[in-house]
């Protein structure tokens, strides 16, 4: 059975991925707090694909760059300031280039795999517990069907969904509307939309053809 990437899929691995990830989990399970020290000098990065012109502002400071190319996103150490960036894009650095990887670790706030492992060790997994012999056991969770509420795209019906964060955005949140904006008689729709009945008929035809 291969090692699971659970929680680590967004990070690039050094060398053979399956072997590297297996080593990471073994260190977490056996060395615990000491696992972070074993990976302290390995930069935590991800591969980034420049696949859309909308992403160009993110790479403007790098200079001229070819479209549809790969870059390296270097993860930054967490900051108490929520407005601080959590990653920064740089020119592509292959995981096989040990010299370039060592230079990454000397950049400000560059996060290491050690930092990532430390977060894993300190985080208490609520999905599992441990029995008297130290074996991991999945927790039993009872969820009553009457207590399940669909949110967003998970709602069974659009009207059953809930819009979250109204207070935080000052009432500017988007609300779902009836899927048929022309429901009702032509006179009612024309009055509601402030257009003529002829315009309503034309709009209905376009809606049905879309």
Protein backbone atom coordinates (compact mmCIF):
# COMPACT_ATOMS: atom_id res chain seq x y z
CA UNK A 1 0.00 0.00 0.00
CA UNK A 2 1.48 3.34 -1.05
CA UNK A 3 1.76 6.39 1.16
CA UNK A 4 -1.17 8.80 1.06
CA UNK A 5 -0.74 12.36 -0.22
CA UNK A 6 -3.58 13.49 2.07
CA UNK A 7 -2.93 17.11 2.97
CA UNK A 8 0.37 17.21 1.06
CA UNK A 9 -0.81 17.09 -2.55
CA UNK A 10 -0.22 20.80 -3.11
CA UNK A 11 3.49 20.56 -2.28
CA UNK A 12 6.30 19.48 -4.58
CA UNK A 13 8.31 16.50 -3.36
CA UNK A 14 12.04 16.00 -3.60
CA UNK A 15 13.03 12.99 -5.76
CA UNK A 16 10.58 10.10 -6.11
CA UNK A 17 7.28 11.41 -4.77
CA UNK A 18 5.91 8.19 -3.27
CA UNK A 19 9.18 7.48 -1.46
CA UNK A 20 9.44 11.07 -0.21
CA UNK A 21 5.86 11.20 1.08
CA UNK A 22 6.27 7.80 2.76
CA UNK A 23 9.32 9.17 4.57
CA UNK A 24 7.42 12.26 5.64
CA UNK A 25 4.56 10.27 7.19
CA UNK A 26 6.97 7.86 8.86
CA UNK A 27 8.77 10.82 10.44
CA UNK A 28 5.47 12.34 11.61
CA UNK A 29 4.27 9.08 13.18
CA UNK A 30 7.56 8.04 14.77
CA UNK A 31 9.58 11.17 15.56
CA UNK A 32 6.64 13.54 16.06
CA UNK A 33 8.15 16.91 17.12
CA UNK A 34 11.57 15.79 15.87
CA UNK A 35 10.19 15.25 12.35
CA UNK A 36 10.35 18.97 11.61
CA UNK A 37 14.10 19.06 12.17
CA UNK A 38 14.65 16.29 9.60
CA UNK A 39 13.11 18.40 6.84
CA UNK A 40 14.10 21.89 7.96
CA UNK A 41 16.36 22.64 4.98
CA UNK A 42 13.99 21.54 2.21
CA UNK A 43 12.03 24.37 0.61
CA UNK A 44 8.25 24.03 0.45
CA UNK A 45 7.09 24.86 -3.07
CA UNK A 46 4.41 24.10 -5.64
CA UNK A 47 4.37 24.07 -9.40
CA UNK A 48 2.35 26.92 -10.93
CA UNK A 49 1.04 26.95 -14.50
CA UNK A 50 0.67 30.28 -16.30
CA UNK A 51 -2.35 29.12 -18.27
CA UNK A 52 -4.45 32.28 -18.52
CA UNK A 53 -3.79 35.96 -19.37
CA UNK A 54 -5.76 36.83 -16.22
CA UNK A 55 -2.80 35.51 -14.20
CA UNK A 56 -0.26 37.89 -15.80
CA UNK A 57 -0.48 40.51 -12.98
CA UNK A 58 0.87 37.89 -10.58
CA UNK A 59 4.06 37.47 -12.63
CA UNK A 60 4.60 41.07 -13.75
CA UNK A 61 7.59 41.63 -11.47
CA UNK A 62 9.36 38.59 -12.93
CA UNK A 63 9.65 40.31 -16.29
CA UNK A 64 8.89 39.06 -19.84
CA UNK A 65 7.62 35.52 -19.74
CA UNK A 66 6.25 33.03 -22.25
CA UNK A 67 2.58 32.01 -21.90
CA UNK A 68 1.66 28.43 -21.00
CA UNK A 69 4.83 27.95 -19.02
CA UNK A 70 5.52 26.67 -15.52
CA UNK A 71 6.65 28.73 -12.57
CA UNK A 72 7.51 27.89 -8.97
CA UNK A 73 5.29 29.10 -6.14
CA UNK A 74 7.35 29.35 -2.99
CA UNK A 75 5.30 29.03 0.18
CA UNK A 76 5.92 31.71 2.80
CA UNK A 77 5.99 31.34 6.56
CA UNK A 78 2.62 32.25 8.12
CA UNK A 79 2.25 35.86 9.21
CA UNK A 80 -0.01 37.30 11.94
CA UNK A 81 -1.04 39.90 9.36
CA UNK A 82 -3.98 38.41 7.37
CA UNK A 83 -3.20 40.71 4.42
CA UNK A 84 0.29 39.26 3.94
CA UNK A 85 0.81 36.92 0.97
CA UNK A 86 1.05 33.20 1.70
CA UNK A 87 3.06 32.44 -1.45
CA UNK A 88 5.18 34.17 -4.07
CA UNK A 89 5.81 33.25 -7.70
CA UNK A 90 9.37 32.99 -9.00
CA UNK A 91 10.99 31.58 -12.14
CA UNK A 92 10.73 27.81 -12.40
CA UNK A 93 13.11 25.93 -10.10
CA UNK A 94 13.23 22.15 -10.65
CA UNK A 95 13.25 19.97 -7.56
CA UNK A 96 16.39 18.26 -8.91
CA UNK A 97 18.45 21.50 -8.79
CA UNK A 98 19.83 21.33 -5.25
CA UNK A 99 21.82 24.57 -5.61
CA UNK A 100 18.80 26.61 -6.72
CA UNK A 101 16.70 25.01 -3.97
CA UNK A 102 19.27 26.03 -1.38
CA UNK A 103 19.05 29.62 -2.66
CA UNK A 104 15.28 29.50 -2.22
CA UNK A 105 15.73 28.69 1.46
CA UNK A 106 17.77 31.89 1.88
CA UNK A 107 14.94 34.09 0.59
CA UNK A 108 12.84 36.02 3.16
CA UNK A 109 10.01 34.03 4.75
CA UNK A 110 10.68 30.93 2.64
CA UNK A 111 8.79 28.08 4.28
CA UNK A 112 10.47 24.70 4.66
CA UNK A 113 9.05 21.19 4.72
CA UNK A 114 10.04 21.23 8.38
CA UNK A 115 7.57 24.04 8.98
CA UNK A 116 4.87 22.09 7.12
CA UNK A 117 5.53 18.97 9.20
CA UNK A 118 5.47 20.96 12.43
CA UNK A 119 1.95 22.13 11.58
CA UNK A 120 0.89 18.53 10.92
CA UNK A 121 2.32 17.32 14.22
CA UNK A 122 0.69 20.09 16.26
CA UNK A 123 -2.69 19.82 14.54
CA UNK A 124 -5.12 17.50 16.32
CA UNK A 125 -7.01 15.39 13.81
CA UNK A 126 -10.64 15.41 14.92
CA UNK A 127 -11.58 12.56 12.57
CA UNK A 128 -9.54 9.96 14.47
CA UNK A 129 -8.62 9.00 18.02
CA UNK A 130 -6.31 6.40 19.59
CA UNK A 131 -7.19 3.30 21.52
CA UNK A 132 -5.45 1.99 24.67
CA UNK A 133 -2.71 0.33 22.59
CA UNK A 134 -1.93 3.47 20.62
CA UNK A 135 -3.67 2.36 17.41
CA UNK A 136 -5.43 5.02 15.39
CA UNK A 137 -9.21 4.55 15.25
CA UNK A 138 -11.73 6.58 13.29
CA UNK A 139 -14.21 8.44 15.47
CA UNK A 140 -17.91 7.60 15.23
CA UNK A 141 -20.04 10.57 14.25
CA UNK A 142 -23.83 10.66 14.39
CA UNK A 143 -25.51 13.13 12.04
CA UNK A 144 -29.29 13.42 11.95
CA UNK A 145 -30.76 13.97 8.51
CA UNK A 146 -33.02 16.71 9.87
CA UNK A 147 -29.92 18.68 10.91
CA UNK A 148 -28.25 18.65 7.48
CA UNK A 149 -28.54 22.00 5.69
CA UNK A 150 -27.33 22.41 2.13
CA UNK A 151 -24.97 25.33 1.52
CA UNK A 152 -24.27 26.87 -1.90
CA UNK A 153 -23.87 24.30 -4.68
CA UNK A 154 -24.47 21.51 -2.16
CA UNK A 155 -28.09 22.58 -1.67
CA UNK A 156 -30.69 20.33 -3.26
CA UNK A 157 -32.66 23.37 -4.43
CA UNK A 158 -31.42 26.87 -5.17
CA UNK A 159 -34.03 28.37 -2.87
CA UNK A 160 -32.86 26.03 -0.06
CA UNK A 161 -29.34 27.46 -0.14
CA UNK A 162 -28.07 30.02 2.32
CA UNK A 163 -25.93 33.07 1.63
CA UNK A 164 -23.18 33.35 4.25
CA UNK A 165 -21.32 36.45 5.38
CA UNK A 166 -23.99 39.11 4.83
CA UNK A 167 -22.80 41.17 7.79
CA UNK A 168 -19.15 40.90 6.79
CA UNK A 169 -19.73 42.25 3.27
CA UNK A 170 -22.14 44.99 4.30
CA UNK A 171 -25.12 43.56 2.41
CA UNK A 172 -23.25 43.29 -0.90
CA UNK A 173 -23.43 39.48 -1.07
CA UNK A 174 -24.93 37.92 -4.19
CA UNK A 175 -28.35 36.35 -3.82
CA UNK A 176 -29.68 33.55 -5.98
CA UNK A 177 -32.74 34.46 -8.07
CA UNK A 178 -35.52 32.41 -9.62
CA UNK A 179 -34.02 30.38 -12.50
CA UNK A 180 -36.77 31.69 -14.83
CA UNK A 181 -36.62 35.52 -14.84
CA UNK A 182 -39.66 35.71 -17.15
CA UNK A 183 -42.03 33.67 -15.01
CA UNK A 184 -45.58 35.03 -15.07
CA UNK A 185 -47.72 36.75 -17.67
CA UNK A 186 -46.10 39.07 -20.22
CA UNK A 187 -47.86 42.04 -18.61
CA UNK A 188 -46.59 41.13 -15.12
CA UNK A 189 -43.03 40.56 -16.37
CA UNK A 190 -43.03 43.79 -18.39
CA UNK A 191 -44.15 45.75 -15.33
CA UNK A 192 -41.58 44.05 -13.09
CA UNK A 193 -38.68 44.64 -15.49
CA UNK A 194 -39.81 48.05 -16.68
CA UNK A 195 -39.92 47.09 -20.38
CA UNK A 196 -42.58 46.67 -23.04
CA UNK A 197 -44.55 43.46 -23.57
CA UNK A 198 -42.94 43.08 -27.03
CA UNK A 199 -39.50 43.19 -25.39
CA UNK A 200 -40.61 40.49 -22.97
CA UNK A 201 -41.65 38.22 -25.87
CA UNK A 202 -38.29 38.77 -27.58
CA UNK A 203 -36.37 38.13 -24.37
CA UNK A 204 -38.34 34.93 -23.74
CA UNK A 205 -37.45 33.63 -27.22
CA UNK A 206 -33.76 34.33 -26.59
CA UNK A 207 -33.98 32.66 -23.17
CA UNK A 208 -35.58 29.52 -24.65
CA UNK A 209 -32.99 29.33 -27.44
CA UNK A 210 -30.02 29.74 -25.06
